[in-house]
Amino acid sequence: MKRLFSKYLHSESPFAQFLRFATVGVKISVIDAGGVYLLPYLFGINLYAARIVSLGSAMCAGYLLNRYFTFGGNQRGCFYRQMAGHLGVHIIGGGINYGVFSATLSIGQVTLNDRLALSLLPLAAVWLGGLIGMSFNYFCSSRLVFKSQPHAKP
């Protein structure tokens, strides 16, 4: 078990990287979903505006976690250049995520009548949007932002 965990943490294989990326995705979904529920409760803003704020917060946390945890072995690039690339990719992925979130909310609010289902609808919309956005973001991040760079020979 220890060896498997070590392989998960340190392997540069695409599968291990995707698992670490998904782990980060779960962590930032907590930030995202927390914002979607807390911001309207605390400040009275609507769900759509709350999602923009929570998604932005999650993207910033995601960059740091992905840079040092998911793709940590490949980090020779400039912090700010990678951050700009990450945010560029994730803004597109965030747009896809937000579109799925909005569509899920709109469809759910029209079709669902159960109070419990309606209260869980924003969470389901965050997760569905997150899953689709995460797939896009991993594909682009692993190839464009955090791509492996050859190690310098001594």
N, C-alpha and C. Protein backbone atom coordinates (compact mmCIF):
# COMPACT_ATOMS: atom_id res chain seq x y z
N MET A 1 0.82 -1.19 0.00
CA MET A 1 0.00 0.00 0.00
C MET A 1 0.87 1.25 0.00
N LYS A 2 1.94 1.22 0.79
CA LYS A 2 2.85 2.35 0.87
C LYS A 2 3.50 2.62 -0.48
N ARG A 3 3.87 1.54 -1.19
CA ARG A 3 4.50 1.66 -2.49
C ARG A 3 3.52 2.24 -3.52
N LEU A 4 2.27 1.81 -3.45
CA LEU A 4 1.24 2.32 -4.35
C LEU A 4 1.00 3.81 -4.11
N PHE A 5 0.95 4.21 -2.84
CA PHE A 5 0.76 5.61 -2.50
C PHE A 5 1.95 6.45 -2.97
N SER A 6 3.15 5.94 -2.81
CA SER A 6 4.35 6.64 -3.26
C SER A 6 4.33 6.80 -4.77
N LYS A 7 3.88 5.76 -5.47
CA LYS A 7 3.80 5.83 -6.93
C LYS A 7 2.77 6.89 -7.35
N TYR A 8 1.65 6.94 -6.63
CA TYR A 8 0.62 7.95 -6.88
C TYR A 8 1.19 9.36 -6.72
N LEU A 9 1.99 9.56 -5.68
CA LEU A 9 2.53 10.89 -5.40
C LEU A 9 3.66 11.32 -6.33
N HIS A 10 4.47 10.36 -6.80
CA HIS A 10 5.71 10.73 -7.48
C HIS A 10 5.80 10.31 -8.94
N SER A 11 4.91 9.50 -9.41
CA SER A 11 4.99 9.04 -10.80
C SER A 11 4.68 10.17 -11.78
N GLU A 12 5.39 10.18 -12.89
CA GLU A 12 5.12 11.16 -13.94
C GLU A 12 4.26 10.56 -15.05
N SER A 13 3.70 9.37 -14.81
CA SER A 13 2.84 8.76 -15.82
C SER A 13 1.57 9.59 -15.98
N PRO A 14 1.02 9.63 -17.18
CA PRO A 14 -0.20 10.40 -17.41
C PRO A 14 -1.36 9.96 -16.50
N PHE A 15 -1.47 8.66 -16.21
CA PHE A 15 -2.55 8.18 -15.36
C PHE A 15 -2.39 8.70 -13.93
N ALA A 16 -1.17 8.64 -13.39
CA ALA A 16 -0.93 9.15 -12.04
C ALA A 16 -1.16 10.65 -11.98
N GLN A 17 -0.73 11.37 -13.02
CA GLN A 17 -0.97 12.80 -13.06
C GLN A 17 -2.47 13.10 -13.10
N PHE A 18 -3.21 12.33 -13.90
CA PHE A 18 -4.66 12.55 -13.95
C PHE A 18 -5.30 12.28 -12.59
N LEU A 19 -4.85 11.24 -11.90
CA LEU A 19 -5.40 10.97 -10.56
C LEU A 19 -5.11 12.12 -9.60
N ARG A 20 -3.89 12.66 -9.67
CA ARG A 20 -3.57 13.81 -8.81
C ARG A 20 -4.39 15.04 -9.22
N PHE A 21 -4.57 15.23 -10.53
CA PHE A 21 -5.38 16.34 -11.02
C PHE A 21 -6.82 16.19 -10.52
N ALA A 22 -7.34 14.97 -10.56
CA ALA A 22 -8.70 14.72 -10.07
C ALA A 22 -8.79 14.96 -8.56
N THR A 23 -7.74 14.60 -7.83
CA THR A 23 -7.71 14.86 -6.39
C THR A 23 -7.78 16.36 -6.12
N VAL A 24 -7.02 17.13 -6.88
CA VAL A 24 -7.08 18.59 -6.77
C VAL A 24 -8.48 19.06 -7.13
N GLY A 25 -9.07 18.45 -8.16
CA GLY A 25 -10.42 18.81 -8.58
C GLY A 25 -11.43 18.63 -7.46
N VAL A 26 -11.30 17.56 -6.71
CA VAL A 26 -12.20 17.33 -5.58
C VAL A 26 -11.99 18.42 -4.53
N LYS A 27 -10.74 18.75 -4.26
CA LYS A 27 -10.45 19.78 -3.25
C LYS A 27 -11.01 21.14 -3.66
N ILE A 28 -10.80 21.51 -4.92
CA ILE A 28 -11.29 22.83 -5.32
C ILE A 28 -12.80 22.84 -5.52
N SER A 29 -13.40 21.66 -5.72
CA SER A 29 -14.87 21.64 -5.80
C SER A 29 -15.49 21.98 -4.45
N VAL A 30 -14.79 21.67 -3.37
CA VAL A 30 -15.27 22.04 -2.04
C VAL A 30 -15.25 23.57 -1.89
N ILE A 31 -14.20 24.20 -2.39
CA ILE A 31 -14.12 25.67 -2.38
C ILE A 31 -15.26 26.24 -3.23
N ASP A 32 -15.42 25.67 -4.41
CA ASP A 32 -16.43 26.14 -5.35
C ASP A 32 -17.85 25.97 -4.79
N ALA A 33 -18.17 24.76 -4.35
CA ALA A 33 -19.51 24.50 -3.81
C ALA A 33 -19.76 25.30 -2.54
N GLY A 34 -18.74 25.44 -1.71
CA GLY A 34 -18.88 26.24 -0.49
C GLY A 34 -19.24 27.68 -0.82
N GLY A 35 -18.59 28.24 -1.82
CA GLY A 35 -18.90 29.60 -2.25
C GLY A 35 -20.31 29.73 -2.80
N VAL A 36 -20.73 28.73 -3.57
CA VAL A 36 -22.07 28.77 -4.16
C VAL A 36 -23.15 28.77 -3.07
N TYR A 37 -22.91 28.06 -1.99
CA TYR A 37 -23.90 28.02 -0.90
C TYR A 37 -23.72 29.16 0.09
N LEU A 38 -22.48 29.52 0.41
CA LEU A 38 -22.25 30.53 1.45
C LEU A 38 -22.46 31.97 0.97
N LEU A 39 -22.03 32.29 -0.23
CA LEU A 39 -22.14 33.67 -0.69
C LEU A 39 -23.59 34.16 -0.76
N PRO A 40 -24.53 33.39 -1.30
CA PRO A 40 -25.92 33.86 -1.26
C PRO A 40 -26.45 33.95 0.17
N TYR A 41 -26.06 33.02 1.02
CA TYR A 41 -26.52 33.02 2.41
C TYR A 41 -25.97 34.21 3.18
N LEU A 42 -24.66 34.46 3.02
CA LEU A 42 -24.02 35.53 3.79
C LEU A 42 -24.26 36.93 3.21
N PHE A 43 -24.28 37.02 1.87
CA PHE A 43 -24.32 38.34 1.24
C PHE A 43 -25.56 38.58 0.38
N GLY A 44 -26.41 37.58 0.24
CA GLY A 44 -27.65 37.74 -0.50
C GLY A 44 -27.51 37.85 -2.01
N ILE A 45 -26.36 37.43 -2.56
CA ILE A 45 -26.20 37.51 -4.01
C ILE A 45 -26.81 36.26 -4.65
N ASN A 46 -27.15 36.36 -5.94
CA ASN A 46 -27.80 35.22 -6.59
C ASN A 46 -26.78 34.11 -6.90
N LEU A 47 -27.29 32.95 -7.23
CA LEU A 47 -26.44 31.77 -7.46
C LEU A 47 -25.46 31.96 -8.61
N TYR A 48 -25.89 32.64 -9.65
CA TYR A 48 -25.02 32.81 -10.82
C TYR A 48 -23.82 33.70 -10.50
N ALA A 49 -24.05 34.79 -9.78
CA ALA A 49 -22.95 35.66 -9.37
C ALA A 49 -22.05 34.96 -8.35
N ALA A 50 -22.67 34.22 -7.43
CA ALA A 50 -21.89 33.48 -6.44
C ALA A 50 -20.98 32.47 -7.13
N ARG A 51 -21.47 31.86 -8.19
CA ARG A 51 -20.68 30.86 -8.90
C ARG A 51 -19.47 31.49 -9.56
N ILE A 52 -19.61 32.68 -10.10
CA ILE A 52 -18.47 33.35 -10.73
C ILE A 52 -17.38 33.61 -9.69
N VAL A 53 -17.75 34.09 -8.52
CA VAL A 53 -16.78 34.35 -7.45
C VAL A 53 -16.16 33.04 -6.96
N SER A 54 -17.00 32.03 -6.71
CA SER A 54 -16.47 30.77 -6.18
C SER A 54 -15.60 30.05 -7.21
N LEU A 55 -15.96 30.14 -8.47
CA LEU A 55 -15.16 29.51 -9.53
C LEU A 55 -13.80 30.19 -9.66
N GLY A 56 -13.78 31.51 -9.57
CA GLY A 56 -12.50 32.24 -9.62
C GLY A 56 -11.59 31.87 -8.46
N SER A 57 -12.17 31.76 -7.29
CA SER A 57 -11.39 31.37 -6.11
C SER A 57 -10.84 29.95 -6.27
N ALA A 58 -11.68 29.07 -6.77
CA ALA A 58 -11.27 27.68 -6.98
C ALA A 58 -10.15 27.59 -8.02
N MET A 59 -10.23 28.41 -9.08
CA MET A 59 -9.19 28.39 -10.12
C MET A 59 -7.83 28.80 -9.55
N CYS A 60 -7.81 29.82 -8.72
CA CYS A 60 -6.53 30.26 -8.13
C CYS A 60 -5.94 29.18 -7.23
N ALA A 61 -6.78 28.58 -6.40
CA ALA A 61 -6.30 27.49 -5.54
C ALA A 61 -5.86 26.31 -6.39
N GLY A 62 -6.60 26.04 -7.46
CA GLY A 62 -6.26 24.93 -8.35
C GLY A 62 -4.90 25.11 -9.01
N TYR A 63 -4.57 26.34 -9.40
CA TYR A 63 -3.26 26.57 -10.01
C TYR A 63 -2.14 26.18 -9.05
N LEU A 64 -2.22 26.66 -7.83
CA LEU A 64 -1.16 26.37 -6.86
C LEU A 64 -1.07 24.88 -6.57
N LEU A 65 -2.20 24.24 -6.38
CA LEU A 65 -2.19 22.80 -6.10
C LEU A 65 -1.67 22.00 -7.29
N ASN A 66 -2.08 22.38 -8.49
CA ASN A 66 -1.61 21.65 -9.67
C ASN A 66 -0.13 21.89 -9.93
N ARG A 67 0.33 23.10 -9.73
CA ARG A 67 1.74 23.40 -9.96
C ARG A 67 2.64 22.58 -9.05
N TYR A 68 2.29 22.52 -7.78
CA TYR A 68 3.19 21.88 -6.81
C TYR A 68 2.85 20.44 -6.49
N PHE A 69 1.61 20.03 -6.71
CA PHE A 69 1.22 18.66 -6.37
C PHE A 69 1.07 17.79 -7.62
N THR A 70 0.25 18.20 -8.55
CA THR A 70 -0.03 17.37 -9.73
C THR A 70 1.17 17.26 -10.65
N PHE A 71 1.75 18.39 -11.01
CA PHE A 71 2.83 18.42 -11.99
C PHE A 71 4.14 18.87 -11.35
N GLY A 72 4.30 18.67 -10.06
CA GLY A 72 5.43 19.19 -9.29
C GLY A 72 6.80 18.87 -9.82
N GLY A 73 6.98 17.73 -10.43
CA GLY A 73 8.31 17.35 -10.91
C GLY A 73 8.75 18.11 -12.15
N ASN A 74 7.84 18.80 -12.81
CA ASN A 74 8.15 19.43 -14.10
C ASN A 74 8.32 20.94 -14.02
N GLN A 75 8.43 21.48 -12.85
CA GLN A 75 8.32 22.93 -12.71
C GLN A 75 9.64 23.65 -12.85
N ARG A 76 9.99 23.99 -14.06
CA ARG A 76 11.17 24.80 -14.33
C ARG A 76 10.77 26.13 -14.95
N GLY A 77 9.51 26.26 -15.32
CA GLY A 77 9.04 27.48 -15.98
C GLY A 77 8.79 28.60 -15.00
N CYS A 78 8.63 29.76 -15.55
CA CYS A 78 8.35 30.96 -14.77
C CYS A 78 6.97 30.84 -14.10
N PHE A 79 6.92 31.11 -12.82
CA PHE A 79 5.68 31.02 -12.03
C PHE A 79 4.56 31.83 -12.68
N TYR A 80 4.84 33.07 -13.03
CA TYR A 80 3.81 33.96 -13.55
C TYR A 80 3.38 33.58 -14.96
N ARG A 81 4.32 33.12 -15.78
CA ARG A 81 3.97 32.68 -17.13
C ARG A 81 3.08 31.44 -17.06
N GLN A 82 3.44 30.51 -16.19
CA GLN A 82 2.59 29.33 -16.03
C GLN A 82 1.23 29.70 -15.47
N MET A 83 1.21 30.63 -14.52
CA MET A 83 -0.07 31.05 -13.95
C MET A 83 -0.96 31.66 -15.02
N ALA A 84 -0.38 32.50 -15.87
CA ALA A 84 -1.15 33.11 -16.95
C ALA A 84 -1.67 32.03 -17.90
N GLY A 85 -0.83 31.06 -18.25
CA GLY A 85 -1.27 29.96 -19.11
C GLY A 85 -2.36 29.13 -18.45
N HIS A 86 -2.16 28.85 -17.17
CA HIS A 86 -3.15 28.08 -16.41
C HIS A 86 -4.49 28.80 -16.39
N LEU A 87 -4.46 30.08 -16.06
CA LEU A 87 -5.71 30.84 -16.00
C LEU A 87 -6.35 30.96 -17.37
N GLY A 88 -5.54 31.10 -18.43
CA GLY A 88 -6.08 31.14 -19.78
C GLY A 88 -6.83 29.86 -20.14
N VAL A 89 -6.20 28.73 -19.87
CA VAL A 89 -6.84 27.44 -20.13
C VAL A 89 -8.06 27.28 -19.24
N HIS A 90 -7.90 27.59 -17.97
CA HIS A 90 -8.99 27.35 -17.02
C HIS A 90 -10.13 28.34 -17.15
N ILE A 91 -9.88 29.49 -17.75
CA ILE A 91 -11.00 30.40 -18.04
C ILE A 91 -11.89 29.78 -19.11
N ILE A 92 -11.27 29.18 -20.12
CA ILE A 92 -12.07 28.49 -21.14
C ILE A 92 -12.79 27.30 -20.50
N GLY A 93 -12.04 26.49 -19.74
CA GLY A 93 -12.66 25.37 -19.03
C GLY A 93 -13.72 25.85 -18.05
N GLY A 94 -13.47 26.98 -17.41
CA GLY A 94 -14.45 27.56 -16.49
C GLY A 94 -15.70 28.01 -17.22
N GLY A 95 -15.53 28.52 -18.45
CA GLY A 95 -16.69 28.89 -19.26
C GLY A 95 -17.54 27.67 -19.60
N ILE A 96 -16.86 26.59 -19.96
CA ILE A 96 -17.57 25.33 -20.23
C ILE A 96 -18.26 24.87 -18.95
N ASN A 97 -17.54 24.90 -17.84
CA ASN A 97 -18.05 24.50 -16.53
C ASN A 97 -19.28 25.35 -16.17
N TYR A 98 -19.16 26.67 -16.33
CA TYR A 98 -20.25 27.57 -15.98
C TYR A 98 -21.47 27.35 -16.89
N GLY A 99 -21.23 27.08 -18.16
CA GLY A 99 -22.33 26.79 -19.09
C GLY A 99 -23.10 25.55 -18.68
N VAL A 100 -22.37 24.50 -18.31
CA VAL A 100 -23.01 23.26 -17.85
C VAL A 100 -23.75 23.52 -16.53
N PHE A 101 -23.12 24.28 -15.62
CA PHE A 101 -23.74 24.66 -14.35
C PHE A 101 -25.06 25.40 -14.59
N SER A 102 -25.03 26.41 -15.45
CA SER A 102 -26.22 27.22 -15.73
C SER A 102 -27.32 26.40 -16.38
N ALA A 103 -26.95 25.56 -17.35
CA ALA A 103 -27.94 24.72 -18.02
C ALA A 103 -28.56 23.73 -17.04
N THR A 104 -27.73 23.14 -16.18
CA THR A 104 -28.24 22.19 -15.19
C THR A 104 -29.20 22.88 -14.22
N LEU A 105 -28.83 24.08 -13.76
CA LEU A 105 -29.72 24.83 -12.87
C LEU A 105 -31.04 25.17 -13.56
N SER A 106 -30.95 25.67 -14.77
CA SER A 106 -32.15 26.08 -15.51
C SER A 106 -33.09 24.90 -15.74
N ILE A 107 -32.54 23.80 -16.20
CA ILE A 107 -33.35 22.62 -16.47
C ILE A 107 -33.92 22.06 -15.16
N GLY A 108 -33.08 21.99 -14.13
CA GLY A 108 -33.52 21.45 -12.85
C GLY A 108 -34.61 22.28 -12.19
N GLN A 109 -34.50 23.60 -12.28
CA GLN A 109 -35.50 24.46 -11.66
C GLN A 109 -36.85 24.35 -12.35
N VAL A 110 -36.85 24.02 -13.63
CA VAL A 110 -38.10 23.86 -14.38
C VAL A 110 -38.70 22.47 -14.17
N THR A 111 -37.85 21.45 -14.07
CA THR A 111 -38.35 20.08 -14.04
C THR A 111 -38.50 19.47 -12.66
N LEU A 112 -37.78 19.97 -11.67
CA LEU A 112 -37.85 19.37 -10.34
C LEU A 112 -38.90 20.07 -9.47
N ASN A 113 -39.62 19.28 -8.71
CA ASN A 113 -40.63 19.84 -7.80
C ASN A 113 -40.30 19.57 -6.34
N ASP A 114 -39.48 18.57 -6.10
CA ASP A 114 -39.14 18.16 -4.73
C ASP A 114 -38.22 19.19 -4.08
N ARG A 115 -38.55 19.59 -2.87
CA ARG A 115 -37.77 20.62 -2.16
C ARG A 115 -36.33 20.18 -1.91
N LEU A 116 -36.14 18.92 -1.50
CA LEU A 116 -34.79 18.41 -1.25
C LEU A 116 -33.98 18.39 -2.55
N ALA A 117 -34.58 17.94 -3.62
CA ALA A 117 -33.88 17.90 -4.91
C ALA A 117 -33.48 19.31 -5.34
N LEU A 118 -34.37 20.27 -5.14
CA LEU A 118 -34.06 21.65 -5.51
C LEU A 118 -32.94 22.23 -4.63
N SER A 119 -32.89 21.82 -3.37
CA SER A 119 -31.82 22.32 -2.50
C SER A 119 -30.47 21.70 -2.85
N LEU A 120 -30.48 20.51 -3.41
CA LEU A 120 -29.23 19.85 -3.81
C LEU A 120 -28.85 20.15 -5.26
N LEU A 121 -29.74 20.80 -5.99
CA LEU A 121 -29.49 21.10 -7.39
C LEU A 121 -28.21 21.92 -7.62
N PRO A 122 -27.94 22.99 -6.86
CA PRO A 122 -26.69 23.72 -7.09
C PRO A 122 -25.44 22.85 -6.91
N LEU A 123 -25.46 21.96 -5.94
CA LEU A 123 -24.33 21.07 -5.72
C LEU A 123 -24.14 20.13 -6.91
N ALA A 124 -25.24 19.55 -7.37
CA ALA A 124 -25.17 18.67 -8.55
C ALA A 124 -24.69 19.44 -9.77
N ALA A 125 -25.13 20.68 -9.92
CA ALA A 125 -24.72 21.51 -11.06
C ALA A 125 -23.22 21.84 -10.99
N VAL A 126 -22.72 22.13 -9.78
CA VAL A 126 -21.29 22.40 -9.59
C VAL A 126 -20.48 21.16 -9.96
N TRP A 127 -20.91 20.00 -9.49
CA TRP A 127 -20.15 18.78 -9.76
C TRP A 127 -20.21 18.36 -11.22
N LEU A 128 -21.35 18.48 -11.85
CA LEU A 128 -21.46 18.12 -13.26
C LEU A 128 -20.61 19.06 -14.12
N GLY A 129 -20.73 20.36 -13.86
CA GLY A 129 -19.90 21.32 -14.58
C GLY A 129 -18.42 21.10 -14.30
N GLY A 130 -18.12 20.79 -13.05
CA GLY A 130 -16.73 20.54 -12.67
C GLY A 130 -16.13 19.33 -13.36
N LEU A 131 -16.90 18.29 -13.48
CA LEU A 131 -16.41 17.06 -14.13
C LEU A 131 -16.08 17.32 -15.61
N ILE A 132 -16.97 17.99 -16.28
CA ILE A 132 -16.76 18.28 -17.70
C ILE A 132 -15.62 19.30 -17.87
N GLY A 133 -15.62 20.35 -17.05
CA GLY A 133 -14.55 21.34 -17.10
C GLY A 133 -13.20 20.75 -16.75
N MET A 134 -13.17 19.85 -15.75
CA MET A 134 -11.92 19.23 -15.33
C MET A 134 -11.31 18.41 -16.46
N SER A 135 -12.12 17.70 -17.19
CA SER A 135 -11.60 16.89 -18.30
C SER A 135 -10.93 17.79 -19.34
N PHE A 136 -11.58 18.87 -19.70
CA PHE A 136 -11.00 19.82 -20.65
C PHE A 136 -9.72 20.42 -20.07
N ASN A 137 -9.78 20.86 -18.82
CA ASN A 137 -8.63 21.52 -18.20
C ASN A 137 -7.42 20.60 -18.08
N TYR A 138 -7.65 19.33 -17.74
CA TYR A 138 -6.51 18.41 -17.64
C TYR A 138 -5.86 18.22 -19.00
N PHE A 139 -6.68 17.99 -20.00
CA PHE A 139 -6.14 17.77 -21.35
C PHE A 139 -5.27 18.95 -21.77
N CYS A 140 -5.76 20.17 -21.59
CA CYS A 140 -5.01 21.35 -22.01
C CYS A 140 -3.84 21.67 -21.07
N SER A 141 -4.06 21.55 -19.77
CA SER A 141 -2.99 21.87 -18.81
C SER A 141 -1.80 20.94 -18.97
N SER A 142 -2.05 19.66 -19.14
CA SER A 142 -0.95 18.70 -19.23
C SER A 142 -0.17 18.87 -20.52
N ARG A 143 -0.79 19.40 -21.56
CA ARG A 143 -0.11 19.54 -22.84
C ARG A 143 0.42 20.95 -23.10
N LEU A 144 -0.21 21.96 -22.50
CA LEU A 144 0.17 23.33 -22.82
C LEU A 144 0.84 24.08 -21.68
N VAL A 145 0.36 23.89 -20.46
CA VAL A 145 0.83 24.70 -19.34
C VAL A 145 1.95 24.01 -18.57
N PHE A 146 1.74 22.76 -18.18
CA PHE A 146 2.71 22.05 -17.34
C PHE A 146 3.39 20.93 -18.11
N LYS A 147 3.59 21.11 -19.40
CA LYS A 147 4.21 20.04 -20.19
C LYS A 147 5.61 19.74 -19.68
N SER A 148 5.98 18.49 -19.79
CA SER A 148 7.30 18.06 -19.33
C SER A 148 8.38 18.75 -20.14
N GLN A 149 9.39 19.20 -19.45
CA GLN A 149 10.54 19.80 -20.10
C GLN A 149 11.73 18.88 -19.88
N PRO A 150 12.56 18.73 -20.90
CA PRO A 150 13.71 17.85 -20.72
C PRO A 150 14.63 18.37 -19.63
N HIS A 151 15.15 17.44 -18.86
CA HIS A 151 16.08 17.81 -17.78
C HIS A 151 17.43 18.22 -18.39
N ALA A 152 18.02 19.22 -17.81
CA ALA A 152 19.33 19.69 -18.29
C ALA A 152 20.40 18.66 -17.94
N LYS A 153 21.28 18.40 -18.86
CA LYS A 153 22.39 17.47 -18.64
C LYS A 153 23.54 18.22 -17.97
N PRO A 154 24.14 17.62 -16.93
CA PRO A 154 25.27 18.29 -16.26
C PRO A 154 26.51 18.27 -17.11
